[in-house]
Amino acid sequence: MIISVKVHPNSGRKEIMEKGGVIHAYLKSAAEAGKANRELVSLLAEKYGIHESDVKIAGGFSSRTKMIEIKGKS
């Protein structure tokens, strides 16, 4: 399954929510040295009940809008 996620780094909270059909990820980590990306992968794995290795950032590594591939989900 491929999903698009709008990332909000440095938000002071860890939360995933859907607003108007768009998935938003609020992260505590700053968008530096891949910290926010690692937190996003961890948060999505927790939300879907899968291993972090099953969550891959497929596009948008340095963008706030990311394409995420989640293995085993359809």
C-alpha atoms as a PDB file:
ATOM      1  CA  MET A   1       0.000   0.000   0.000  1.00  0.00           C
ATOM      2  CA  ILE A   2       1.258   3.477  -0.885  1.00  0.00           C
ATOM      3  CA  ILE A   3       0.030   6.463   1.114  1.00  0.00           C
ATOM      4  CA  SER A   4       0.775  10.173   1.012  1.00  0.00           C
ATOM      5  CA  VAL A   5       1.590  11.790   4.360  1.00  0.00           C
ATOM      6  CA  LYS A   6       1.921  15.495   5.173  1.00  0.00           C
ATOM      7  CA  VAL A   7       4.612  15.821   7.860  1.00  0.00           C
ATOM      8  CA  HIS A   8       4.707  18.538  10.535  1.00  0.00           C
ATOM      9  CA  PRO A   9       8.133  18.357  12.274  1.00  0.00           C
ATOM     10  CA  ASN A  10       8.843  20.191  15.547  1.00  0.00           C
ATOM     11  CA  SER A  11       5.153  20.183  16.441  1.00  0.00           C
ATOM     12  CA  GLY A  12       5.703  19.192  20.074  1.00  0.00           C
ATOM     13  CA  ARG A  13       3.493  16.090  19.815  1.00  0.00           C
ATOM     14  CA  LYS A  14       3.522  12.620  18.236  1.00  0.00           C
ATOM     15  CA  GLU A  15       0.256  11.983  16.453  1.00  0.00           C
ATOM     16  CA  ILE A  16      -1.174  10.759  13.155  1.00  0.00           C
ATOM     17  CA  MET A  17      -4.575  12.022  12.071  1.00  0.00           C
ATOM     18  CA  GLU A  18      -6.641  12.356   8.935  1.00  0.00           C
ATOM     19  CA  LYS A  19      -8.061  15.727   7.918  1.00  0.00           C
ATOM     20  CA  GLY A  20     -10.174  16.034   4.798  1.00  0.00           C
ATOM     21  CA  GLY A  21      -8.830  12.809   3.327  1.00  0.00           C
ATOM     22  CA  VAL A  22      -5.184  13.783   3.940  1.00  0.00           C
ATOM     23  CA  ILE A  23      -3.012  11.969   6.484  1.00  0.00           C
ATOM     24  CA  HIS A  24      -1.056  14.358   8.725  1.00  0.00           C
ATOM     25  CA  ALA A  25       1.838  13.245  10.935  1.00  0.00           C
ATOM     26  CA  TYR A  26       2.755  15.561  13.800  1.00  0.00           C
ATOM     27  CA  LEU A  27       6.298  14.845  14.983  1.00  0.00           C
ATOM     28  CA  LYS A  28       8.384  16.056  17.911  1.00  0.00           C
ATOM     29  CA  SER A  29      11.667  15.650  16.011  1.00  0.00           C
ATOM     30  CA  ALA A  30      13.267  18.378  13.970  1.00  0.00           C
ATOM     31  CA  ALA A  31      13.657  17.973  10.223  1.00  0.00           C
ATOM     32  CA  GLU A  32      17.421  17.560  10.395  1.00  0.00           C
ATOM     33  CA  ALA A  33      19.744  14.622   9.810  1.00  0.00           C
ATOM     34  CA  GLY A  34      16.794  12.296   9.112  1.00  0.00           C
ATOM     35  CA  LYS A  35      15.407  12.504  12.657  1.00  0.00           C
ATOM     36  CA  ALA A  36      11.852  13.342  11.573  1.00  0.00           C
ATOM     37  CA  ASN A  37      11.919  10.612   8.914  1.00  0.00           C
ATOM     38  CA  ARG A  38      12.945   7.992  11.481  1.00  0.00           C
ATOM     39  CA  GLU A  39      10.236   9.160  13.890  1.00  0.00           C
ATOM     40  CA  LEU A  40       7.661   9.035  11.067  1.00  0.00           C
ATOM     41  CA  VAL A  41       8.573   5.437  10.182  1.00  0.00           C
ATOM     42  CA  SER A  42       8.357   4.440  13.847  1.00  0.00           C
ATOM     43  CA  LEU A  43       5.008   6.167  14.339  1.00  0.00           C
ATOM     44  CA  LEU A  44       3.458   4.610  11.220  1.00  0.00           C
ATOM     45  CA  ALA A  45       4.703   1.141  12.189  1.00  0.00           C
ATOM     46  CA  GLU A  46       3.109   1.582  15.617  1.00  0.00           C
ATOM     47  CA  LYS A  47      -0.175   2.811  14.097  1.00  0.00           C
ATOM     48  CA  TYR A  48      -0.476  -0.117  11.684  1.00  0.00           C
ATOM     49  CA  GLY A  49       0.884  -2.724  14.124  1.00  0.00           C
ATOM     50  CA  ILE A  50       3.796  -3.752  11.914  1.00  0.00           C
ATOM     51  CA  HIS A  51       7.588  -3.739  12.092  1.00  0.00           C
ATOM     52  CA  GLU A  52       9.498  -0.609  11.180  1.00  0.00           C
ATOM     53  CA  SER A  53      11.214  -2.612   8.414  1.00  0.00           C
ATOM     54  CA  ASP A  54       7.809  -2.896   6.691  1.00  0.00           C
ATOM     55  CA  VAL A  55       7.517   0.908   6.366  1.00  0.00           C
ATOM     56  CA  LYS A  56       9.569   2.618   3.669  1.00  0.00           C
ATOM     57  CA  ILE A  57       9.737   6.245   2.554  1.00  0.00           C
ATOM     58  CA  ALA A  58       9.357   5.852  -1.206  1.00  0.00           C
ATOM     59  CA  GLY A  59       9.539   9.548  -2.074  1.00  0.00           C
ATOM     60  CA  GLY A  60       9.875  13.000  -0.567  1.00  0.00           C
ATOM     61  CA  PHE A  61      12.821  12.375   1.756  1.00  0.00           C
ATOM     62  CA  SER A  62      13.467  16.106   2.158  1.00  0.00           C
ATOM     63  CA  SER A  63       9.894  17.257   1.530  1.00  0.00           C
ATOM     64  CA  ARG A  64       7.039  17.713   3.981  1.00  0.00           C
ATOM     65  CA  THR A  65       4.796  15.605   1.735  1.00  0.00           C
ATOM     66  CA  LYS A  66       6.076  12.039   1.617  1.00  0.00           C
ATOM     67  CA  MET A  67       5.052   8.919  -0.261  1.00  0.00           C
ATOM     68  CA  ILE A  68       5.135   5.960   2.124  1.00  0.00           C
ATOM     69  CA  GLU A  69       5.134   2.298   1.135  1.00  0.00           C
ATOM     70  CA  ILE A  70       3.685  -0.048   3.737  1.00  0.00           C
ATOM     71  CA  LYS A  71       4.360  -3.729   3.044  1.00  0.00           C
ATOM     72  CA  GLY A  72       1.669  -6.290   3.743  1.00  0.00           C
ATOM     73  CA  LYS A  73      -1.195  -3.754   3.747  1.00  0.00           C
ATOM     74  CA  SER A  74      -3.546  -3.277   0.830  1.00  0.00           C
END
